[in-house]
Amino acid sequence: MRIANKERVSARIPRESRKLLEKAAALSGATLDQSVVQASIK
């Protein structure tokens, strides 16, 4: 099995925006990072 190199994606956003995105991610059972990646794939 090959292990992929992992990179971090970061962005500075207002605290309230982050809270909203975290709530949306939680509703789908994902972390904020997972939710952002999934949205970018779609």
PDB file of N, CA and C in Angstrom:
ATOM      1  N   MET A   1       0.844  -1.182   0.000  1.00  0.00           N
ATOM      2  CA  MET A   1       0.000   0.000   0.000  1.00  0.00           C
ATOM      3  C   MET A   1       0.885   1.239   0.000  1.00  0.00           C
ATOM      4  N   ARG A   2       0.556   2.168  -0.852  1.00  0.00           N
ATOM      5  CA  ARG A   2       1.303   3.416  -0.947  1.00  0.00           C
ATOM      6  C   ARG A   2       0.613   4.495  -0.123  1.00  0.00           C
ATOM      7  N   ILE A   3       1.369   5.214   0.648  1.00  0.00           N
ATOM      8  CA  ILE A   3       0.813   6.304   1.463  1.00  0.00           C
ATOM      9  C   ILE A   3       1.030   7.613   0.721  1.00  0.00           C
ATOM     10  N   ALA A   4      -0.046   8.321   0.491  1.00  0.00           N
ATOM     11  CA  ALA A   4       0.022   9.600  -0.233  1.00  0.00           C
ATOM     12  C   ALA A   4       0.570  10.698   0.665  1.00  0.00           C
ATOM     13  N   ASN A   5       1.319  11.598   0.071  1.00  0.00           N
ATOM     14  CA  ASN A   5       1.760  12.784   0.807  1.00  0.00           C
ATOM     15  C   ASN A   5       0.546  13.657   1.042  1.00  0.00           C
ATOM     16  N   LYS A   6       0.461  14.241   2.191  1.00  0.00           N
ATOM     17  CA  LYS A   6      -0.691  15.082   2.516  1.00  0.00           C
ATOM     18  C   LYS A   6      -0.247  16.524   2.645  1.00  0.00           C
ATOM     19  N   GLU A   7      -1.064  17.404   2.142  1.00  0.00           N
ATOM     20  CA  GLU A   7      -0.828  18.838   2.229  1.00  0.00           C
ATOM     21  C   GLU A   7      -1.995  19.491   2.934  1.00  0.00           C
ATOM     22  N   ARG A   8      -1.748  20.604   3.577  1.00  0.00           N
ATOM     23  CA  ARG A   8      -2.788  21.344   4.276  1.00  0.00           C
ATOM     24  C   ARG A   8      -3.235  22.523   3.415  1.00  0.00           C
ATOM     25  N   VAL A   9      -4.527  22.763   3.398  1.00  0.00           N
ATOM     26  CA  VAL A   9      -5.088  23.923   2.719  1.00  0.00           C
ATOM     27  C   VAL A   9      -5.625  24.842   3.795  1.00  0.00           C
ATOM     28  N   SER A  10      -5.233  26.096   3.733  1.00  0.00           N
ATOM     29  CA  SER A  10      -5.719  27.026   4.751  1.00  0.00           C
ATOM     30  C   SER A  10      -6.231  28.301   4.098  1.00  0.00           C
ATOM     31  N   ALA A  11      -7.156  28.918   4.790  1.00  0.00           N
ATOM     32  CA  ALA A  11      -7.712  30.191   4.317  1.00  0.00           C
ATOM     33  C   ALA A  11      -8.143  31.001   5.529  1.00  0.00           C
ATOM     34  N   ARG A  12      -7.955  32.259   5.457  1.00  0.00           N
ATOM     35  CA  ARG A  12      -8.401  33.143   6.539  1.00  0.00           C
ATOM     36  C   ARG A  12      -9.802  33.629   6.199  1.00  0.00           C
ATOM     37  N   ILE A  13     -10.740  33.285   7.072  1.00  0.00           N
ATOM     38  CA  ILE A  13     -12.130  33.693   6.890  1.00  0.00           C
ATOM     39  C   ILE A  13     -12.652  34.209   8.220  1.00  0.00           C
ATOM     40  N   PRO A  14     -13.696  34.991   8.190  1.00  0.00           N
ATOM     41  CA  PRO A  14     -14.272  35.494   9.445  1.00  0.00           C
ATOM     42  C   PRO A  14     -14.738  34.327  10.334  1.00  0.00           C
ATOM     43  N   ARG A  15     -14.641  34.517  11.630  1.00  0.00           N
ATOM     44  CA  ARG A  15     -15.016  33.490  12.597  1.00  0.00           C
ATOM     45  C   ARG A  15     -16.446  32.992  12.390  1.00  0.00           C
ATOM     46  N   GLU A  16     -17.359  33.923  12.130  1.00  0.00           N
ATOM     47  CA  GLU A  16     -18.758  33.532  11.932  1.00  0.00           C
ATOM     48  C   GLU A  16     -18.926  32.652  10.689  1.00  0.00           C
ATOM     49  N   SER A  17     -18.153  32.938   9.644  1.00  0.00           N
ATOM     50  CA  SER A  17     -18.208  32.110   8.435  1.00  0.00           C
ATOM     51  C   SER A  17     -17.713  30.704   8.731  1.00  0.00           C
ATOM     52  N   ARG A  18     -16.643  30.605   9.507  1.00  0.00           N
ATOM     53  CA  ARG A  18     -16.104  29.289   9.861  1.00  0.00           C
ATOM     54  C   ARG A  18     -17.128  28.501  10.674  1.00  0.00           C
ATOM     55  N   LYS A  19     -17.777  29.173  11.626  1.00  0.00           N
ATOM     56  CA  LYS A  19     -18.788  28.488  12.444  1.00  0.00           C
ATOM     57  C   LYS A  19     -19.917  27.948  11.574  1.00  0.00           C
ATOM     58  N   LEU A  20     -20.350  28.748  10.605  1.00  0.00           N
ATOM     59  CA  LEU A  20     -21.422  28.328   9.703  1.00  0.00           C
ATOM     60  C   LEU A  20     -20.988  27.117   8.870  1.00  0.00           C
ATOM     61  N   LEU A  21     -19.776  27.168   8.333  1.00  0.00           N
ATOM     62  CA  LEU A  21     -19.263  26.055   7.535  1.00  0.00           C
ATOM     63  C   LEU A  21     -19.101  24.789   8.378  1.00  0.00           C
ATOM     64  N   GLU A  22     -18.667  24.936   9.627  1.00  0.00           N
ATOM     65  CA  GLU A  22     -18.530  23.780  10.517  1.00  0.00           C
ATOM     66  C   GLU A  22     -19.890  23.149  10.813  1.00  0.00           C
ATOM     67  N   LYS A  23     -20.910  23.982  11.016  1.00  0.00           N
ATOM     68  CA  LYS A  23     -22.259  23.451  11.262  1.00  0.00           C
ATOM     69  C   LYS A  23     -22.763  22.688  10.047  1.00  0.00           C
ATOM     70  N   ALA A  24     -22.556  23.252   8.858  1.00  0.00           N
ATOM     71  CA  ALA A  24     -22.987  22.588   7.625  1.00  0.00           C
ATOM     72  C   ALA A  24     -22.262  21.259   7.449  1.00  0.00           C
ATOM     73  N   ALA A  25     -20.989  21.236   7.724  1.00  0.00           N
ATOM     74  CA  ALA A  25     -20.217  19.997   7.602  1.00  0.00           C
ATOM     75  C   ALA A  25     -20.720  18.955   8.599  1.00  0.00           C
ATOM     76  N   ALA A  26     -20.979  19.383   9.814  1.00  0.00           N
ATOM     77  CA  ALA A  26     -21.450  18.464  10.851  1.00  0.00           C
ATOM     78  C   ALA A  26     -22.795  17.837  10.484  1.00  0.00           C
ATOM     79  N   LEU A  27     -23.654  18.592   9.823  1.00  0.00           N
ATOM     80  CA  LEU A  27     -24.950  18.064   9.405  1.00  0.00           C
ATOM     81  C   LEU A  27     -24.801  16.893   8.438  1.00  0.00           C
ATOM     82  N   SER A  28     -23.721  16.903   7.674  1.00  0.00           N
ATOM     83  CA  SER A  28     -23.496  15.804   6.728  1.00  0.00           C
ATOM     84  C   SER A  28     -22.561  14.742   7.307  1.00  0.00           C
ATOM     85  N   GLY A  29     -22.167  14.918   8.568  1.00  0.00           N
ATOM     86  CA  GLY A  29     -21.303  13.926   9.220  1.00  0.00           C
ATOM     87  C   GLY A  29     -19.846  14.023   8.803  1.00  0.00           C
ATOM     88  N   ALA A  30     -19.432  15.191   8.342  1.00  0.00           N
ATOM     89  CA  ALA A  30     -18.059  15.382   7.881  1.00  0.00           C
ATOM     90  C   ALA A  30     -17.363  16.452   8.711  1.00  0.00           C
ATOM     91  N   THR A  31     -16.050  16.464   8.605  1.00  0.00           N
ATOM     92  CA  THR A  31     -15.289  17.554   9.213  1.00  0.00           C
ATOM     93  C   THR A  31     -15.323  18.734   8.246  1.00  0.00           C
ATOM     94  N   LEU A  32     -14.899  19.872   8.711  1.00  0.00           N
ATOM     95  CA  LEU A  32     -14.854  21.052   7.850  1.00  0.00           C
ATOM     96  C   LEU A  32     -13.944  20.793   6.654  1.00  0.00           C
ATOM     97  N   ASP A  33     -12.780  20.224   6.894  1.00  0.00           N
ATOM     98  CA  ASP A  33     -11.854  19.946   5.793  1.00  0.00           C
ATOM     99  C   ASP A  33     -12.457  18.980   4.779  1.00  0.00           C
ATOM    100  N   GLN A  34     -13.089  17.920   5.254  1.00  0.00           N
ATOM    101  CA  GLN A  34     -13.718  16.961   4.349  1.00  0.00           C
ATOM    102  C   GLN A  34     -14.796  17.636   3.517  1.00  0.00           C
ATOM    103  N   SER A  35     -15.569  18.486   4.138  1.00  0.00           N
ATOM    104  CA  SER A  35     -16.650  19.175   3.457  1.00  0.00           C
ATOM    105  C   SER A  35     -16.124  20.098   2.370  1.00  0.00           C
ATOM    106  N   VAL A  36     -15.059  20.820   2.648  1.00  0.00           N
ATOM    107  CA  VAL A  36     -14.464  21.735   1.668  1.00  0.00           C
ATOM    108  C   VAL A  36     -13.910  20.960   0.481  1.00  0.00           C
ATOM    109  N   VAL A  37     -13.238  19.854   0.757  1.00  0.00           N
ATOM    110  CA  VAL A  37     -12.683  19.041  -0.328  1.00  0.00           C
ATOM    111  C   VAL A  37     -13.804  18.463  -1.182  1.00  0.00           C
ATOM    112  N   GLN A  38     -14.842  17.930  -0.555  1.00  0.00           N
ATOM    113  CA  GLN A  38     -15.955  17.376  -1.303  1.00  0.00           C
ATOM    114  C   GLN A  38     -16.634  18.433  -2.171  1.00  0.00           C
ATOM    115  N   ALA A  39     -16.799  19.622  -1.636  1.00  0.00           N
ATOM    116  CA  ALA A  39     -17.422  20.711  -2.404  1.00  0.00           C
ATOM    117  C   ALA A  39     -16.558  21.093  -3.606  1.00  0.00           C
ATOM    118  N   SER A  40     -15.250  21.041  -3.438  1.00  0.00           N
ATOM    119  CA  SER A  40     -14.378  21.421  -4.544  1.00  0.00           C
ATOM    120  C   SER A  40     -14.363  20.369  -5.644  1.00  0.00           C
ATOM    121  N   ILE A  41     -14.613  19.118  -5.287  1.00  0.00           N
ATOM    122  CA  ILE A  41     -14.647  18.039  -6.268  1.00  0.00           C
ATOM    123  C   ILE A  41     -15.908  18.119  -7.105  1.00  0.00           C
ATOM    124  N   LYS A  42     -17.009  18.516  -6.476  1.00  0.00           N
ATOM    125  CA  LYS A  42     -18.287  18.606  -7.181  1.00  0.00           C
ATOM    126  C   LYS A  42     -18.235  19.754  -8.107  1.00  0.00           C
TER     127      LYS A  42
END
